[in-house]
N, C-alpha and C. Protein backbone atom coordinates (compact mmCIF):
# COMPACT_ATOMS: atom_id res chain seq x y z
N MET A 1 1.60 30.96 49.95
CA MET A 1 1.60 32.27 50.58
C MET A 1 0.65 33.17 49.81
N SER A 2 -0.04 34.01 50.55
CA SER A 2 -1.02 34.90 49.93
C SER A 2 -0.33 36.16 49.38
N LEU A 3 -1.14 36.97 48.77
CA LEU A 3 -0.65 38.20 48.15
C LEU A 3 -0.12 39.18 49.19
N LEU A 4 -0.76 39.26 50.35
CA LEU A 4 -0.38 40.24 51.36
C LEU A 4 1.06 40.08 51.86
N PRO A 5 1.50 38.88 52.26
CA PRO A 5 2.91 38.77 52.69
C PRO A 5 3.89 39.10 51.56
N ALA A 6 3.57 38.71 50.34
CA ALA A 6 4.45 39.02 49.21
C ALA A 6 4.57 40.53 49.02
N LEU A 7 3.46 41.23 49.12
CA LEU A 7 3.50 42.69 48.99
C LEU A 7 4.26 43.31 50.17
N GLY A 8 4.17 42.70 51.33
CA GLY A 8 4.93 43.17 52.49
C GLY A 8 6.42 43.03 52.28
N ILE A 9 6.85 41.91 51.74
CA ILE A 9 8.26 41.68 51.45
C ILE A 9 8.76 42.70 50.43
N ILE A 10 7.96 42.92 49.39
CA ILE A 10 8.34 43.89 48.36
C ILE A 10 8.39 45.29 48.96
N SER A 11 7.46 45.61 49.85
CA SER A 11 7.47 46.92 50.50
C SER A 11 8.75 47.14 51.30
N LEU A 12 9.19 46.09 51.99
CA LEU A 12 10.45 46.18 52.74
C LEU A 12 11.61 46.48 51.80
N ALA A 13 11.66 45.76 50.71
CA ALA A 13 12.74 45.99 49.74
C ALA A 13 12.64 47.39 49.15
N LEU A 14 11.42 47.83 48.91
CA LEU A 14 11.20 49.14 48.31
C LEU A 14 11.63 50.27 49.23
N ILE A 15 11.37 50.14 50.51
CA ILE A 15 11.76 51.17 51.47
C ILE A 15 13.26 51.42 51.40
N THR A 16 14.01 50.37 51.10
CA THR A 16 15.47 50.53 51.03
C THR A 16 15.89 51.43 49.88
N ARG A 17 15.06 51.61 48.88
CA ARG A 17 15.40 52.53 47.79
C ARG A 17 15.37 53.97 48.29
N LEU A 18 14.57 54.22 49.31
CA LEU A 18 14.46 55.57 49.86
C LEU A 18 15.50 55.86 50.95
N MET A 19 16.06 54.81 51.51
CA MET A 19 17.08 54.98 52.55
C MET A 19 18.43 55.22 51.88
N PRO A 20 19.37 55.84 52.61
CA PRO A 20 20.71 56.00 52.04
C PRO A 20 21.31 54.64 51.69
N HIS A 21 21.90 54.55 50.51
CA HIS A 21 22.50 53.31 50.04
C HIS A 21 23.57 53.62 49.00
N PRO A 22 24.45 52.67 48.73
CA PRO A 22 25.46 52.91 47.69
C PRO A 22 24.77 53.18 46.34
N PRO A 23 25.38 53.99 45.49
CA PRO A 23 24.76 54.28 44.18
C PRO A 23 24.43 52.99 43.43
N ASN A 24 23.22 52.93 42.90
CA ASN A 24 22.73 51.83 42.06
C ASN A 24 22.52 50.51 42.80
N PHE A 25 22.65 50.48 44.10
CA PHE A 25 22.36 49.29 44.90
C PHE A 25 20.88 49.37 45.26
N ALA A 26 20.04 48.84 44.38
CA ALA A 26 18.59 49.07 44.49
C ALA A 26 17.80 47.77 44.28
N PRO A 27 16.56 47.74 44.77
CA PRO A 27 15.76 46.51 44.73
C PRO A 27 14.90 46.31 43.48
N ILE A 28 14.88 47.24 42.54
CA ILE A 28 13.87 47.19 41.49
C ILE A 28 14.05 45.99 40.55
N THR A 29 15.26 45.62 40.19
CA THR A 29 15.44 44.43 39.34
C THR A 29 14.94 43.19 40.07
N GLY A 30 15.26 43.08 41.36
CA GLY A 30 14.78 41.95 42.14
C GLY A 30 13.26 41.92 42.20
N ILE A 31 12.65 43.08 42.37
CA ILE A 31 11.19 43.17 42.41
C ILE A 31 10.60 42.78 41.05
N ALA A 32 11.23 43.23 39.97
CA ALA A 32 10.75 42.90 38.62
C ALA A 32 10.83 41.40 38.36
N LEU A 33 11.95 40.78 38.73
CA LEU A 33 12.09 39.32 38.53
C LEU A 33 11.14 38.54 39.44
N PHE A 34 11.07 38.95 40.70
CA PHE A 34 10.20 38.27 41.65
C PHE A 34 8.74 38.37 41.23
N SER A 35 8.31 39.56 40.85
CA SER A 35 6.91 39.77 40.47
C SER A 35 6.53 38.90 39.28
N GLY A 36 7.39 38.86 38.28
CA GLY A 36 7.09 38.04 37.10
C GLY A 36 7.04 36.56 37.41
N ALA A 37 7.88 36.12 38.32
CA ALA A 37 7.93 34.69 38.65
C ALA A 37 6.87 34.30 39.67
N TYR A 38 6.51 35.20 40.57
CA TYR A 38 5.66 34.83 41.69
C TYR A 38 4.17 35.01 41.44
N PHE A 39 3.77 36.16 40.93
CA PHE A 39 2.34 36.47 40.84
C PHE A 39 1.67 35.74 39.70
N SER A 40 0.58 35.05 40.01
CA SER A 40 -0.16 34.35 38.95
C SER A 40 -0.93 35.34 38.09
N ASP A 41 -1.35 36.44 38.68
CA ASP A 41 -2.00 37.50 37.91
C ASP A 41 -0.87 38.33 37.29
N LYS A 42 -0.65 38.14 36.02
CA LYS A 42 0.49 38.75 35.35
C LYS A 42 0.40 40.27 35.28
N ARG A 43 -0.79 40.81 35.48
CA ARG A 43 -0.90 42.27 35.52
C ARG A 43 -0.09 42.82 36.70
N TRP A 44 -0.15 42.12 37.85
CA TRP A 44 0.64 42.52 39.01
C TRP A 44 2.13 42.53 38.67
N ALA A 45 2.54 41.50 37.96
CA ALA A 45 3.95 41.36 37.62
C ALA A 45 4.46 42.53 36.79
N LEU A 46 3.61 43.06 35.94
CA LEU A 46 4.02 44.16 35.07
C LEU A 46 3.84 45.51 35.74
N ILE A 47 2.79 45.66 36.54
CA ILE A 47 2.47 46.94 37.15
C ILE A 47 3.34 47.23 38.38
N LEU A 48 3.59 46.22 39.20
CA LEU A 48 4.23 46.44 40.50
C LEU A 48 5.61 47.11 40.40
N PRO A 49 6.54 46.62 39.57
CA PRO A 49 7.85 47.31 39.52
C PRO A 49 7.74 48.76 39.05
N ILE A 50 6.87 49.02 38.08
CA ILE A 50 6.69 50.38 37.58
C ILE A 50 6.05 51.25 38.67
N PHE A 51 5.09 50.71 39.38
CA PHE A 51 4.45 51.42 40.48
C PHE A 51 5.49 51.76 41.56
N CYS A 52 6.33 50.78 41.90
CA CYS A 52 7.37 51.00 42.91
C CYS A 52 8.32 52.11 42.48
N LEU A 53 8.73 52.09 41.23
CA LEU A 53 9.60 53.14 40.71
C LEU A 53 8.93 54.50 40.81
N PHE A 54 7.69 54.56 40.37
CA PHE A 54 6.98 55.83 40.34
C PHE A 54 6.82 56.41 41.74
N ILE A 55 6.40 55.57 42.69
CA ILE A 55 6.20 56.04 44.06
C ILE A 55 7.51 56.57 44.64
N THR A 56 8.59 55.83 44.46
CA THR A 56 9.86 56.30 45.02
C THR A 56 10.41 57.50 44.24
N ASP A 57 10.14 57.57 42.95
CA ASP A 57 10.58 58.73 42.18
C ASP A 57 9.87 60.02 42.61
N ILE A 58 8.69 59.89 43.18
CA ILE A 58 8.01 61.07 43.72
C ILE A 58 8.89 61.71 44.79
N PHE A 59 9.56 60.89 45.59
CA PHE A 59 10.42 61.38 46.66
C PHE A 59 11.85 61.65 46.20
N LEU A 60 12.33 60.83 45.27
CA LEU A 60 13.72 60.97 44.82
C LEU A 60 13.88 61.97 43.68
N GLY A 61 12.80 62.20 42.95
CA GLY A 61 12.84 63.15 41.84
C GLY A 61 12.66 62.47 40.49
N PHE A 62 11.94 63.15 39.63
CA PHE A 62 11.73 62.66 38.27
C PHE A 62 12.91 63.12 37.41
N HIS A 63 13.16 62.40 36.32
CA HIS A 63 14.35 62.68 35.52
C HIS A 63 14.09 62.39 34.04
N SER A 64 15.01 62.83 33.23
CA SER A 64 14.84 62.72 31.78
C SER A 64 14.99 61.30 31.25
N LEU A 65 15.50 60.39 32.04
CA LEU A 65 15.69 59.00 31.59
C LEU A 65 14.57 58.07 32.05
N MET A 66 13.49 58.63 32.57
CA MET A 66 12.41 57.79 33.12
C MET A 66 11.87 56.80 32.10
N VAL A 67 11.67 57.23 30.88
CA VAL A 67 11.12 56.33 29.86
C VAL A 67 12.06 55.14 29.64
N VAL A 68 13.35 55.41 29.58
CA VAL A 68 14.34 54.35 29.38
C VAL A 68 14.38 53.42 30.59
N VAL A 69 14.43 54.00 31.78
CA VAL A 69 14.52 53.21 33.02
C VAL A 69 13.25 52.38 33.21
N TYR A 70 12.10 53.00 33.10
CA TYR A 70 10.84 52.28 33.28
C TYR A 70 10.68 51.21 32.20
N GLY A 71 11.04 51.55 30.98
CA GLY A 71 10.96 50.57 29.88
C GLY A 71 11.87 49.38 30.11
N GLY A 72 13.07 49.64 30.63
CA GLY A 72 14.00 48.54 30.93
C GLY A 72 13.44 47.58 31.96
N PHE A 73 12.87 48.14 33.02
CA PHE A 73 12.29 47.27 34.05
C PHE A 73 11.03 46.57 33.57
N LEU A 74 10.27 47.21 32.73
CA LEU A 74 9.09 46.56 32.14
C LEU A 74 9.52 45.37 31.29
N CYS A 75 10.61 45.53 30.55
CA CYS A 75 11.14 44.41 29.75
C CYS A 75 11.59 43.26 30.66
N ILE A 76 12.27 43.58 31.75
CA ILE A 76 12.74 42.53 32.68
C ILE A 76 11.55 41.79 33.27
N SER A 77 10.52 42.53 33.68
CA SER A 77 9.31 41.88 34.21
C SER A 77 8.65 41.00 33.16
N THR A 78 8.57 41.50 31.95
CA THR A 78 7.93 40.74 30.87
C THR A 78 8.69 39.45 30.59
N ILE A 79 10.00 39.53 30.52
CA ILE A 79 10.81 38.34 30.28
C ILE A 79 10.63 37.33 31.41
N SER A 80 10.57 37.81 32.65
CA SER A 80 10.43 36.89 33.78
C SER A 80 9.10 36.15 33.78
N LEU A 81 8.11 36.70 33.09
CA LEU A 81 6.82 36.00 32.98
C LEU A 81 6.95 34.67 32.24
N PHE A 82 7.91 34.59 31.35
CA PHE A 82 8.05 33.42 30.49
C PHE A 82 9.10 32.43 30.97
N LEU A 83 9.74 32.72 32.09
CA LEU A 83 10.77 31.83 32.61
C LEU A 83 10.16 30.87 33.63
N ASN A 84 10.60 29.64 33.58
CA ASN A 84 10.12 28.65 34.54
C ASN A 84 10.78 28.83 35.90
N LYS A 85 11.98 29.39 35.89
CA LYS A 85 12.76 29.48 37.12
C LYS A 85 13.69 30.69 37.01
N ILE A 86 13.86 31.40 38.11
CA ILE A 86 14.81 32.50 38.17
C ILE A 86 16.11 31.93 38.74
N THR A 87 17.17 32.03 37.95
CA THR A 87 18.47 31.47 38.35
C THR A 87 19.48 32.60 38.48
N LEU A 88 20.68 32.23 38.89
CA LEU A 88 21.77 33.20 38.94
C LEU A 88 21.98 33.82 37.57
N TRP A 89 21.90 33.00 36.52
CA TRP A 89 22.10 33.51 35.16
C TRP A 89 21.00 34.49 34.76
N THR A 90 19.80 34.26 35.26
CA THR A 90 18.70 35.19 34.99
C THR A 90 19.00 36.55 35.60
N VAL A 91 19.45 36.56 36.84
CA VAL A 91 19.75 37.82 37.53
C VAL A 91 20.92 38.52 36.84
N LEU A 92 21.95 37.77 36.50
CA LEU A 92 23.10 38.36 35.80
C LEU A 92 22.67 38.95 34.46
N GLY A 93 21.83 38.23 33.74
CA GLY A 93 21.34 38.71 32.45
C GLY A 93 20.48 39.95 32.59
N ALA A 94 19.60 39.96 33.58
CA ALA A 94 18.73 41.12 33.82
C ALA A 94 19.57 42.34 34.20
N SER A 95 20.56 42.12 35.02
CA SER A 95 21.43 43.21 35.46
C SER A 95 22.21 43.79 34.27
N LEU A 96 22.76 42.92 33.46
CA LEU A 96 23.50 43.36 32.27
C LEU A 96 22.57 44.06 31.28
N PHE A 97 21.39 43.51 31.09
CA PHE A 97 20.41 44.12 30.18
C PHE A 97 20.10 45.55 30.62
N PHE A 98 19.82 45.73 31.90
CA PHE A 98 19.48 47.06 32.39
C PHE A 98 20.66 48.01 32.27
N PHE A 99 21.86 47.52 32.54
CA PHE A 99 23.06 48.34 32.40
C PHE A 99 23.20 48.84 30.96
N VAL A 100 23.04 47.94 30.01
CA VAL A 100 23.18 48.30 28.59
C VAL A 100 22.09 49.27 28.16
N VAL A 101 20.85 48.97 28.51
CA VAL A 101 19.71 49.81 28.09
C VAL A 101 19.77 51.20 28.73
N SER A 102 19.97 51.24 30.04
CA SER A 102 19.95 52.54 30.71
C SER A 102 21.12 53.42 30.27
N ASN A 103 22.28 52.82 30.09
CA ASN A 103 23.42 53.62 29.65
C ASN A 103 23.34 54.00 28.18
N PHE A 104 22.61 53.24 27.40
CA PHE A 104 22.34 53.65 26.03
C PHE A 104 21.53 54.95 26.04
N GLY A 105 20.56 55.01 26.94
CA GLY A 105 19.79 56.24 27.09
C GLY A 105 20.65 57.40 27.54
N VAL A 106 21.56 57.15 28.47
CA VAL A 106 22.47 58.19 28.93
C VAL A 106 23.34 58.67 27.77
N TRP A 107 23.89 57.73 27.01
CA TRP A 107 24.71 58.08 25.85
C TRP A 107 23.91 58.90 24.84
N PHE A 108 22.73 58.45 24.54
CA PHE A 108 21.91 59.11 23.52
C PHE A 108 21.54 60.54 23.91
N LEU A 109 21.23 60.75 25.19
CA LEU A 109 20.78 62.07 25.64
C LEU A 109 21.91 63.01 26.07
N TYR A 110 22.99 62.47 26.59
CA TYR A 110 23.97 63.34 27.26
C TYR A 110 25.37 63.32 26.67
N TYR A 111 25.65 62.45 25.75
CA TYR A 111 26.99 62.35 25.17
C TYR A 111 26.91 62.59 23.67
N PRO A 112 28.03 62.93 23.07
CA PRO A 112 28.02 63.01 21.60
C PRO A 112 27.64 61.65 21.02
N ASN A 113 26.76 61.64 20.07
CA ASN A 113 26.32 60.37 19.47
C ASN A 113 27.33 59.90 18.43
N THR A 114 28.53 59.63 18.95
CA THR A 114 29.64 59.13 18.16
C THR A 114 30.20 57.90 18.86
N TRP A 115 31.10 57.20 18.17
CA TRP A 115 31.74 56.04 18.78
C TRP A 115 32.53 56.46 20.03
N VAL A 116 33.21 57.59 19.96
CA VAL A 116 33.98 58.09 21.10
C VAL A 116 33.05 58.39 22.28
N GLY A 117 31.91 59.03 22.02
CA GLY A 117 30.95 59.32 23.07
C GLY A 117 30.38 58.05 23.68
N PHE A 118 30.13 57.06 22.83
CA PHE A 118 29.60 55.77 23.27
C PHE A 118 30.58 55.08 24.21
N VAL A 119 31.84 55.01 23.79
CA VAL A 119 32.87 54.35 24.60
C VAL A 119 33.08 55.12 25.91
N GLN A 120 33.08 56.43 25.83
CA GLN A 120 33.26 57.24 27.03
C GLN A 120 32.11 57.02 28.01
N CYS A 121 30.88 57.01 27.51
CA CYS A 121 29.70 56.82 28.36
C CYS A 121 29.76 55.48 29.10
N TYR A 122 29.97 54.40 28.35
CA TYR A 122 29.99 53.09 28.98
C TYR A 122 31.22 52.90 29.85
N GLY A 123 32.33 53.51 29.47
CA GLY A 123 33.54 53.43 30.29
C GLY A 123 33.34 54.10 31.64
N LEU A 124 32.68 55.25 31.64
CA LEU A 124 32.42 55.95 32.90
C LEU A 124 31.33 55.27 33.73
N ALA A 125 30.49 54.47 33.08
CA ALA A 125 29.41 53.77 33.79
C ALA A 125 29.90 52.49 34.46
N LEU A 126 30.99 51.92 33.97
CA LEU A 126 31.45 50.64 34.50
C LEU A 126 31.64 50.59 36.01
N PRO A 127 32.20 51.61 36.65
CA PRO A 127 32.36 51.53 38.12
C PRO A 127 31.03 51.38 38.87
N PHE A 128 29.94 51.85 38.27
CA PHE A 128 28.64 51.73 38.92
C PHE A 128 28.02 50.35 38.75
N TYR A 129 28.51 49.59 37.77
CA TYR A 129 27.91 48.28 37.50
C TYR A 129 28.11 47.31 38.66
N GLY A 130 29.21 47.41 39.38
CA GLY A 130 29.44 46.52 40.52
C GLY A 130 28.34 46.64 41.56
N ASN A 131 27.95 47.88 41.88
CA ASN A 131 26.86 48.10 42.84
C ASN A 131 25.53 47.62 42.27
N THR A 132 25.32 47.85 40.98
CA THR A 132 24.08 47.39 40.34
C THR A 132 23.96 45.88 40.46
N LEU A 133 25.01 45.20 40.09
CA LEU A 133 25.01 43.74 40.14
C LEU A 133 24.85 43.23 41.57
N ALA A 134 25.57 43.83 42.50
CA ALA A 134 25.46 43.40 43.91
C ALA A 134 24.04 43.62 44.43
N GLY A 135 23.45 44.77 44.13
CA GLY A 135 22.08 45.04 44.56
C GLY A 135 21.08 44.08 43.94
N ASP A 136 21.25 43.82 42.64
CA ASP A 136 20.33 42.90 41.96
C ASP A 136 20.42 41.50 42.55
N LEU A 137 21.62 41.03 42.80
CA LEU A 137 21.79 39.70 43.39
C LEU A 137 21.23 39.66 44.81
N PHE A 138 21.55 40.67 45.61
CA PHE A 138 21.09 40.70 47.00
C PHE A 138 19.57 40.73 47.08
N TYR A 139 18.94 41.68 46.39
CA TYR A 139 17.49 41.85 46.54
C TYR A 139 16.71 40.70 45.90
N THR A 140 17.19 40.17 44.80
CA THR A 140 16.51 39.01 44.21
C THR A 140 16.58 37.83 45.17
N ALA A 141 17.75 37.58 45.72
CA ALA A 141 17.90 36.49 46.69
C ALA A 141 17.04 36.74 47.92
N PHE A 142 17.04 37.99 48.41
CA PHE A 142 16.23 38.33 49.58
C PHE A 142 14.75 38.06 49.33
N LEU A 143 14.23 38.51 48.21
CA LEU A 143 12.80 38.33 47.92
C LEU A 143 12.42 36.86 47.80
N PHE A 144 13.20 36.10 47.05
CA PHE A 144 12.87 34.68 46.86
C PHE A 144 13.11 33.88 48.13
N TRP A 145 14.20 34.14 48.84
CA TRP A 145 14.51 33.39 50.05
C TRP A 145 13.46 33.65 51.13
N THR A 146 13.11 34.93 51.32
CA THR A 146 12.12 35.27 52.34
C THR A 146 10.76 34.65 52.02
N THR A 147 10.38 34.69 50.77
CA THR A 147 9.11 34.08 50.36
C THR A 147 9.13 32.58 50.62
N GLU A 148 10.23 31.94 50.28
CA GLU A 148 10.36 30.50 50.51
C GLU A 148 10.27 30.18 52.00
N LYS A 149 10.95 30.95 52.81
CA LYS A 149 10.93 30.70 54.26
C LYS A 149 9.53 30.93 54.84
N LEU A 150 8.88 32.00 54.43
CA LEU A 150 7.51 32.26 54.92
C LEU A 150 6.55 31.18 54.44
N SER A 151 6.72 30.72 53.23
CA SER A 151 5.85 29.65 52.70
C SER A 151 6.05 28.36 53.47
N SER A 152 7.30 28.04 53.77
CA SER A 152 7.57 26.80 54.49
C SER A 152 7.07 26.90 55.93
N LEU A 153 7.17 28.07 56.54
CA LEU A 153 6.65 28.28 57.89
C LEU A 153 5.13 28.14 57.89
N ASN A 154 4.49 28.74 56.93
CA ASN A 154 3.03 28.66 56.78
C ASN A 154 2.61 27.20 56.59
N TYR A 155 3.36 26.46 55.79
CA TYR A 155 3.04 25.06 55.52
C TYR A 155 3.13 24.24 56.80
N ARG A 156 4.15 24.49 57.61
CA ARG A 156 4.34 23.74 58.85
C ARG A 156 3.26 24.05 59.89
N LEU A 157 2.71 25.25 59.83
CA LEU A 157 1.71 25.63 60.82
C LEU A 157 0.34 25.00 60.53
N ILE A 158 0.13 24.57 59.31
CA ILE A 158 -1.19 24.00 58.93
C ILE A 158 -1.29 22.57 59.37
């Protein structure tokens, strides 16, 4: 499959970030994992998730945690460059990594930097993790499954 259909699939997933959706049910982790695994030009793999975030943040609003959020997704993309295969464990690990990193930023900026503040921050964040995990699993599966189906269709047509 060429670059154009892959970018089309990512665009579809990206549009969903702008549509009403449950909190934290978003495509960016899936895009970061897919980009790192799919694109042979690794610059695309690193730039695309950050570009997607930036474009949608223009509409959704910029915030004080952007460095933490963008850095977390950049790390996920970078790690996916070195993996031979994206598995369920990869998605679970990426989801957990982002949860820990992003909420560390929330704790550091918005809570008392004490053990009590730390526990309170992560405790209040836990209800959102279910949507994060569901979104990460859904969009990662969507991106890889759709690419596989389009590739197999393309192969059969030749």
